[in-house]
Protein backbone atom coordinates (compact mmCIF):
# COMPACT_ATOMS: atom_id res chain seq x y z
CA MET A 1 -3.97 18.69 -19.07
CA ILE A 2 -5.42 15.41 -17.82
CA PRO A 3 -3.68 15.00 -14.43
CA PHE A 4 -2.27 11.72 -13.19
CA ASN A 5 -4.43 11.92 -10.07
CA LYS A 6 -7.29 14.04 -8.82
CA PRO A 7 -8.64 13.52 -5.28
CA TYR A 8 -12.34 12.67 -5.23
CA LEU A 9 -14.66 14.25 -2.67
CA THR A 10 -17.99 12.61 -1.86
CA GLY A 11 -19.52 15.86 -0.57
CA LYS A 12 -19.76 14.83 3.09
CA GLU A 13 -16.12 15.42 4.08
CA THR A 14 -16.47 19.03 5.21
CA HIS A 15 -19.80 18.28 6.88
CA TYR A 16 -18.24 15.59 9.04
CA ILE A 17 -15.20 17.75 9.78
CA TYR A 18 -17.57 20.53 10.90
CA ASP A 19 -19.39 18.01 13.09
CA ALA A 20 -16.11 16.85 14.62
CA VAL A 21 -15.07 20.43 15.36
CA ASN A 22 -18.44 21.20 16.98
CA ALA A 23 -18.17 18.06 19.11
CA GLY A 24 -15.05 19.56 20.71
CA LYS A 25 -13.00 16.37 20.27
CA LEU A 26 -10.19 17.06 17.80
CA SER A 27 -7.17 15.22 19.15
CA GLY A 28 -8.24 11.80 17.90
CA ASN A 29 -9.88 8.60 19.09
CA GLY A 30 -13.30 10.21 19.03
CA LYS A 31 -16.52 9.41 17.20
CA TYR A 32 -15.08 9.30 13.67
CA THR A 33 -11.93 7.43 14.62
CA LYS A 34 -14.09 4.71 16.15
CA LEU A 35 -16.43 4.60 13.15
CA CYS A 36 -13.52 4.10 10.74
CA GLN A 37 -11.85 1.46 12.88
CA GLU A 38 -15.07 -0.47 13.42
CA TYR A 39 -15.71 -0.36 9.67
CA PHE A 40 -12.39 -2.06 8.91
CA GLU A 41 -12.85 -4.61 11.68
CA SER A 42 -16.35 -5.53 10.49
CA LYS A 43 -16.03 -5.39 6.70
CA PHE A 44 -12.54 -6.85 6.35
CA GLN A 45 -12.51 -9.17 9.38
CA ILE A 46 -9.59 -7.49 11.12
CA LYS A 47 -9.22 -8.21 14.84
CA LYS A 48 -8.09 -4.72 15.81
CA ALA A 49 -7.84 -1.66 13.58
CA LEU A 50 -6.02 1.51 14.63
CA LEU A 51 -5.99 4.68 12.55
CA THR A 52 -2.57 6.26 12.11
CA THR A 53 -1.27 9.49 10.65
CA SER A 54 0.21 7.58 7.69
CA CYS A 55 0.86 4.11 6.35
CA THR A 56 4.50 4.74 7.25
CA ASP A 57 3.49 5.13 10.90
CA ALA A 58 1.50 1.89 10.74
CA LEU A 59 4.58 0.07 9.42
CA GLU A 60 6.74 1.61 12.14
CA MET A 61 4.25 0.43 14.76
CA ALA A 62 4.43 -3.06 13.25
CA ALA A 63 8.23 -3.04 13.52
CA ILE A 64 7.97 -2.13 17.21
CA LEU A 65 5.30 -4.76 17.87
CA ILE A 66 7.33 -7.64 16.43
CA ASP A 67 10.32 -6.39 18.44
CA ILE A 68 12.74 -5.73 15.60
CA GLN A 69 16.25 -5.47 17.03
CA PRO A 70 19.62 -4.47 15.52
CA GLY A 71 20.89 -7.37 13.45
CA ASP A 72 17.48 -8.83 12.64
CA GLU A 73 16.80 -9.47 8.96
CA VAL A 74 13.55 -8.57 7.22
CA ILE A 75 12.67 -9.85 3.75
CA MET A 76 10.71 -7.64 1.34
CA PRO A 77 10.56 -6.69 -2.35
CA SER A 78 12.98 -4.18 -3.81
CA TYR A 79 10.18 -2.76 -5.96
CA THR A 80 8.33 -0.77 -3.32
CA PHE A 81 8.20 2.64 -1.68
CA VAL A 82 11.03 3.52 0.70
CA SER A 83 8.72 3.54 3.74
CA THR A 84 8.41 -0.25 3.56
CA ALA A 85 12.12 -0.53 4.24
CA ASN A 86 12.63 2.52 6.47
CA ALA A 87 10.17 1.30 9.10
CA PHE A 88 12.39 -1.68 9.86
CA ILE A 89 15.77 -0.06 9.22
CA LEU A 90 14.90 2.56 11.85
CA ARG A 91 14.75 -0.28 14.40
CA GLY A 92 18.17 -1.57 13.32
CA ALA A 93 17.13 -4.33 10.93
CA LYS A 94 18.95 -5.37 7.80
CA VAL A 95 16.57 -5.45 4.88
CA ILE A 96 16.94 -8.30 2.39
CA PHE A 97 15.44 -7.47 -0.98
CA ILE A 98 13.75 -10.10 -3.15
CA ASP A 99 13.20 -9.88 -6.90
CA SER A 100 9.76 -9.33 -8.42
CA ASN A 101 8.18 -12.21 -10.27
CA SER A 102 8.12 -12.00 -14.05
CA GLN A 103 4.35 -11.46 -14.37
CA ASN A 104 3.81 -8.52 -12.01
CA PRO A 105 5.85 -6.37 -9.59
CA ASN A 106 4.97 -8.43 -6.50
CA MET A 107 7.95 -10.26 -5.04
CA ASP A 108 8.63 -13.80 -6.20
CA ILE A 109 7.49 -15.88 -3.22
CA ASP A 110 9.38 -18.93 -4.52
CA LEU A 111 12.70 -17.11 -4.00
CA ILE A 112 12.17 -16.27 -0.35
CA GLU A 113 13.13 -19.54 1.35
CA SER A 114 16.70 -19.46 0.02
CA PHE A 115 17.20 -16.06 1.73
CA ILE A 116 15.92 -17.11 5.16
CA THR A 117 18.67 -17.30 7.80
CA PRO A 118 18.69 -17.70 11.61
CA LYS A 119 18.59 -13.88 11.75
CA THR A 120 15.40 -13.57 9.70
CA LYS A 121 12.57 -12.08 11.78
CA ALA A 122 9.85 -11.13 9.32
CA ILE A 123 8.59 -11.13 5.74
CA VAL A 124 6.88 -8.02 4.37
CA PRO A 125 4.84 -8.70 1.22
CA VAL A 126 3.75 -5.65 -0.74
CA HIS A 127 0.48 -6.09 -2.64
CA TYR A 128 1.46 -3.94 -5.61
CA ALA A 129 -1.47 -2.22 -7.38
CA GLY A 130 -3.76 -3.91 -4.87
CA VAL A 131 -3.03 -7.33 -6.38
CA ALA A 132 -2.42 -10.06 -3.81
CA CYS A 133 0.78 -11.98 -3.32
CA ASP A 134 0.35 -15.74 -2.89
CA MET A 135 -0.47 -15.56 0.81
CA ASP A 136 -0.92 -19.32 1.35
CA LYS A 137 2.66 -19.96 0.25
CA LEU A 138 3.90 -17.03 2.26
CA MET A 139 2.10 -17.94 5.48
CA ALA A 140 3.30 -21.54 5.15
CA LEU A 141 6.88 -20.27 4.98
CA ALA A 142 6.29 -18.07 8.01
CA ASP A 143 4.90 -21.01 9.98
CA LYS A 144 7.78 -23.27 8.94
CA TYR A 145 10.47 -20.83 10.10
CA ASN A 146 8.52 -19.08 12.90
CA LEU A 147 8.52 -15.69 11.17
CA PHE A 148 6.16 -12.74 11.32
CA VAL A 149 4.29 -11.52 8.26
CA VAL A 150 3.54 -7.79 7.94
CA GLU A 151 1.40 -7.03 4.91
CA ASP A 152 2.13 -3.73 3.19
CA ALA A 153 -1.43 -3.21 1.97
CA ALA A 154 -0.96 0.49 1.21
CA GLN A 155 -2.56 0.05 -2.23
CA ALA A 156 -4.86 -2.83 -1.31
CA VAL A 157 -7.99 -1.43 0.32
CA ASP A 158 -10.96 -3.63 -0.66
CA SER A 159 -8.81 -6.21 -2.42
CA TYR A 160 -8.86 -9.94 -1.71
CA TYR A 161 -6.87 -13.16 -1.78
CA ASN A 162 -9.11 -16.19 -2.35
CA GLY A 163 -11.97 -14.26 -0.76
CA LYS A 164 -9.99 -13.04 2.26
CA ALA A 165 -9.39 -9.32 2.56
CA LEU A 166 -5.79 -8.25 2.09
CA GLY A 167 -4.56 -6.89 5.39
CA SER A 168 -6.45 -9.53 7.35
CA ILE A 169 -4.12 -12.47 6.64
CA GLY A 170 -0.68 -11.56 8.01
CA HIS A 171 0.05 -11.06 11.71
CA LEU A 172 -0.03 -7.30 11.05
CA ALA A 173 -0.80 -5.06 8.09
CA ALA A 174 -0.62 -1.41 7.07
CA PHE A 175 -3.00 0.58 4.86
CA SER A 176 -2.65 4.03 3.29
CA PHE A 177 -5.20 6.81 2.76
CA HIS A 178 -2.82 9.12 0.91
CA GLU A 179 -4.55 11.28 -1.70
CA THR A 180 -3.40 8.96 -4.50
CA LYS A 181 -5.18 5.92 -3.04
CA ASN A 182 -8.70 4.63 -3.72
CA ILE A 183 -9.99 5.83 -0.33
CA ILE A 184 -8.32 9.00 0.90
CA ALA A 185 -7.87 11.32 3.87
CA GLY A 186 -5.15 13.53 2.36
CA GLU A 187 -2.63 11.71 4.52
CA GLY A 188 -3.48 8.87 6.86
CA GLY A 189 -3.10 5.16 7.44
CA LEU A 190 -4.29 2.23 9.49
CA LEU A 191 -2.61 -0.59 11.37
CA ALA A 192 -4.43 -3.92 11.17
CA VAL A 193 -3.71 -6.29 14.05
CA ASN A 194 -4.67 -9.90 13.31
CA ASP A 195 -2.75 -11.67 16.07
CA ASP A 196 -4.16 -11.56 19.61
CA ARG A 197 -0.64 -11.27 21.03
CA PHE A 198 -0.35 -7.73 19.71
CA VAL A 199 -3.79 -6.24 20.33
CA GLU A 200 -3.23 -4.75 23.78
CA ARG A 201 0.31 -3.54 23.16
CA ALA A 202 -0.61 -2.00 19.80
CA GLU A 203 -3.07 0.31 21.51
CA ILE A 204 -0.43 1.34 24.07
CA ILE A 205 2.19 2.10 21.42
CA TRP A 206 -0.49 4.01 19.48
CA GLU A 207 -1.17 6.18 22.56
CA LYS A 208 2.47 7.30 23.03
CA GLY A 209 3.34 4.32 25.24
CA THR A 210 0.56 4.95 27.75
CA ASN A 211 -2.48 2.91 28.79
CA ARG A 212 -4.66 5.97 28.22
CA SER A 213 -7.28 4.11 26.17
CA SER A 214 -7.71 1.54 28.94
CA PHE A 215 -8.20 4.38 31.40
CA PHE A 216 -10.96 6.00 29.35
CA ARG A 217 -12.71 2.64 29.08
CA GLY A 218 -12.60 2.38 32.88
CA GLU A 219 -10.27 -0.63 32.87
CA VAL A 220 -7.62 1.07 35.04
CA ASP A 221 -7.87 3.75 37.76
CA LYS A 222 -5.21 5.98 36.22
CA TYR A 223 -2.98 5.89 33.21
CA GLY A 224 0.76 6.25 32.87
CA TRP A 225 3.81 5.47 30.78
CA VAL A 226 3.97 1.69 30.44
CA ASP A 227 5.84 1.04 27.16
CA ILE A 228 7.58 2.76 24.27
CA GLY A 229 5.37 4.51 21.75
CA SER A 230 4.89 7.65 19.74
CA SER A 231 2.26 10.04 18.44
CA PHE A 232 0.73 7.70 15.88
CA LEU A 233 -2.92 8.67 16.47
CA PRO A 234 -4.31 11.14 13.87
CA ALA A 235 -6.54 14.13 14.52
CA GLU A 236 -10.27 13.56 14.54
CA THR A 237 -10.66 15.81 11.48
CA ILE A 238 -8.66 13.29 9.42
CA ALA A 239 -10.92 10.48 10.62
CA ALA A 240 -14.01 12.57 9.80
CA PHE A 241 -12.77 13.09 6.23
CA LEU A 242 -12.00 9.39 5.92
CA TRP A 243 -15.43 8.36 7.16
CA ALA A 244 -17.10 10.23 4.30
CA GLN A 245 -14.96 8.20 1.91
CA LEU A 246 -15.58 4.84 3.56
CA GLU A 247 -19.34 5.41 3.45
CA ASN A 248 -19.00 5.56 -0.34
CA LEU A 249 -16.42 2.81 -0.83
CA GLU A 250 -18.62 0.60 -3.02
CA MET A 251 -19.58 3.46 -5.33
CA ILE A 252 -15.96 4.65 -5.61
CA GLN A 253 -14.73 1.15 -6.33
CA GLU A 254 -17.38 0.50 -8.95
CA ARG A 255 -16.36 3.58 -10.95
CA ARG A 256 -12.64 2.86 -10.65
CA LYS A 257 -13.18 -0.68 -11.92
CA GLU A 258 -15.16 0.67 -14.89
CA ILE A 259 -12.23 2.92 -15.81
CA TRP A 260 -9.73 0.09 -15.35
CA SER A 261 -11.77 -2.24 -17.57
CA LEU A 262 -12.11 0.43 -20.26
CA TYR A 263 -8.33 0.87 -20.33
CA TYR A 264 -7.82 -2.89 -20.56
CA SER A 265 -10.31 -3.50 -23.36
CA SER A 266 -9.13 -0.45 -25.32
CA LEU A 267 -5.42 -1.33 -25.14
CA ASN A 268 -5.49 -5.12 -25.18
CA LYS A 269 -5.14 -5.57 -28.95
CA LEU A 270 -2.49 -2.84 -29.26
CA CYS A 271 -0.44 -4.35 -26.44
CA ASP A 272 -0.50 -7.77 -28.10
CA GLU A 273 0.67 -6.23 -31.36
CA PHE A 274 3.56 -4.27 -29.87
CA ASN A 275 4.52 -6.66 -27.06
CA ILE A 276 3.49 -4.26 -24.30
CA GLY A 277 2.75 -5.70 -20.87
CA LEU A 278 -0.66 -5.25 -19.23
CA PRO A 279 -1.47 -5.74 -15.52
CA HIS A 280 -1.49 -9.43 -14.58
CA ILE A 281 -3.97 -10.55 -11.92
CA PRO A 282 -3.55 -14.16 -10.72
CA GLU A 283 -6.61 -16.38 -10.24
CA PHE A 284 -6.29 -16.12 -6.45
CA ALA A 285 -6.39 -12.30 -6.50
CA SER A 286 -9.12 -9.72 -6.99
CA ASN A 287 -8.71 -6.36 -8.70
CA ASN A 288 -9.43 -3.22 -6.65
CA ALA A 289 -8.52 -0.96 -9.61
CA HIS A 290 -5.94 0.95 -7.64
CA MET A 291 -3.89 1.64 -10.75
CA PHE A 292 -3.59 0.85 -14.42
CA TYR A 293 -0.12 0.46 -15.84
CA LEU A 294 1.69 -0.65 -18.98
CA VAL A 295 5.10 -2.32 -19.21
CA THR A 296 6.96 -0.98 -22.23
CA ASN A 297 9.76 -2.78 -24.06
CA ASP A 298 12.60 -0.67 -22.66
CA LEU A 299 13.47 2.55 -20.85
CA GLU A 300 13.83 4.58 -24.04
CA GLU A 301 10.37 3.56 -25.20
CA ARG A 302 8.85 4.45 -21.83
CA THR A 303 10.52 7.87 -21.79
CA GLY A 304 9.26 8.53 -25.30
CA LEU A 305 5.70 7.51 -24.38
CA ILE A 306 5.67 9.69 -21.25
CA ASN A 307 6.90 12.67 -23.28
CA HIS A 308 4.39 12.03 -26.06
CA LEU A 309 1.51 11.88 -23.60
CA LYS A 310 2.68 15.03 -21.83
CA GLN A 311 2.81 16.92 -25.13
CA SER A 312 -0.73 15.68 -25.78
CA GLY A 313 -1.94 17.00 -22.43
CA VAL A 314 -1.81 13.77 -20.42
CA LEU A 315 0.32 13.31 -17.30
CA ALA A 316 1.52 9.70 -17.00
CA VAL A 317 4.34 8.72 -14.63
CA PHE A 318 6.82 5.96 -13.95
CA HIS A 319 6.84 4.43 -10.49
CA TYR A 320 9.41 2.98 -8.07
CA LEU A 321 13.14 2.81 -8.56
CA SER A 322 14.88 -0.37 -7.40
CA LEU A 323 15.60 0.11 -3.70
CA HIS A 324 18.56 -2.28 -3.76
CA LYS A 325 20.26 0.17 -6.14
CA SER A 326 19.43 3.29 -4.11
CA PRO A 327 22.33 5.46 -2.88
CA TYR A 328 21.53 4.76 0.79
CA TYR A 329 21.26 0.99 0.47
CA SER A 330 24.24 0.72 -1.88
CA ASN A 331 26.42 2.53 0.65
CA GLU A 332 25.14 0.55 3.64
CA TYR A 333 25.16 -2.90 2.05
CA PRO A 334 27.36 -2.90 -1.08
CA ASP A 335 27.46 -6.71 -1.16
CA VAL A 336 23.66 -7.09 -1.20
CA ALA A 337 23.11 -4.13 -3.51
CA ALA A 338 25.15 -5.92 -6.13
CA TYR A 339 22.50 -8.66 -6.42
CA ASN A 340 21.04 -8.91 -9.89
CA LEU A 341 17.28 -8.46 -9.44
CA VAL A 342 16.36 -8.63 -13.11
CA ASN A 343 12.58 -8.40 -12.88
CA THR A 344 12.70 -5.56 -10.36
CA ASP A 345 14.97 -3.54 -12.63
CA ASN A 346 12.75 -4.28 -15.62
CA PHE A 347 9.70 -2.85 -13.86
CA ALA A 348 11.72 0.12 -12.60
CA ASP A 349 12.81 0.92 -16.18
CA ARG A 350 9.70 -0.02 -18.13
CA LEU A 351 6.51 0.43 -16.06
CA ILE A 352 4.33 3.48 -16.78
CA ARG A 353 1.23 4.41 -14.76
CA LEU A 354 -1.74 5.96 -16.56
CA PRO A 355 -4.19 8.44 -14.99
CA LEU A 356 -6.84 6.71 -12.90
CA TYR A 357 -9.18 8.60 -10.60
CA PHE A 358 -12.92 8.72 -9.95
CA ASP A 359 -13.67 11.81 -12.06
CA LEU A 360 -11.74 10.56 -15.11
CA THR A 361 -14.35 10.33 -17.87
CA ASN A 362 -14.75 7.60 -20.46
CA GLU A 363 -13.89 10.23 -23.07
CA ASN A 364 -10.64 10.98 -21.18
CA VAL A 365 -9.73 7.29 -21.20
CA GLU A 366 -10.51 6.95 -24.91
CA PHE A 367 -8.36 10.01 -25.64
CA ILE A 368 -5.45 8.63 -23.61
CA CYS A 369 -5.70 5.24 -25.31
CA GLY A 370 -5.86 6.99 -28.69
CA GLU A 371 -2.66 8.90 -27.96
CA ILE A 372 -0.90 5.71 -26.85
CA THR A 373 -2.01 4.07 -30.11
CA LYS A 374 -0.69 7.03 -32.12
CA PHE A 375 2.68 6.77 -30.38
CA TYR A 376 3.14 3.10 -31.21
CA ILE A 377 1.86 3.35 -34.78
CA LYS A 378 4.28 6.21 -35.50
CA LYS A 379 7.06 4.31 -33.80
């Protein structure tokens, strides 16, 4: 069986974990935490980077920082993971879902303005598959209506919008290092703070609502409880694992892009012949090869293709379900859930993700593409 995902290890992960253990600093914010944070700040031009235990935690920190209150409205795509919405719903917000655009699962930026109300507090773009949303349009809207932008860059490590790193453009951003991502730590995330207003408070929230970090830097005589917060800071062993990955980011990315390009070139002609959608990357966006997907003609075709690949020893999967149709959201907001988000539902029914991981061989890719070709020729 060719799995959908296989975590890649550089070989240094256990060495750095051993080093962290020997250093006697395991609770976080030690040597490896600082190395990872400084890496993001330097390479991606982020003002303040804070490692978190997950991307979900980073999003929850963002919701606290922009002071989401009950009744506030937050605009985001329906085609995303539930954490994008939960982070703001937990603070009492009402989430307003926007349809995807017709070319890729990212939300249609041109639809957003008609959904902005006096209650709107923030816009949360999700850079699906690491492909950028149109951030110039989005930031212009935010400036016009005095809104915050929180980038969900979970899939967008080392991806760019017109040369600017995703996660460095919005007021805040969240990254993921889940084992399915390009750069991994098993679980883990990072909050990117790009607005000076939030730098100091972000660190306090990160440290359970205390000014503990300021104390250790010698900026205050003693530390105490000064704000709300939670246990968002990960163990130093997670940071040590992550550092081994970040050291090899360019090599990992190069191989993933080779695999992505091989998929594209191998399937391009077939997809034209059978009207199958391939990933669309706008001119303003780069490709970080986070995933390779196809968009089939309908749900039945997708189900048949997944089953065919499974019988051939290949695990391919569908992705998100439309959040506006989820049981929770439908019960909470039946009026909004009834919106007809055509493109979102099309991607939910028709998108199939193919295996993509560092150790996937060219022969594996050729086999997978051959099986996809067999399926469509028989069909």
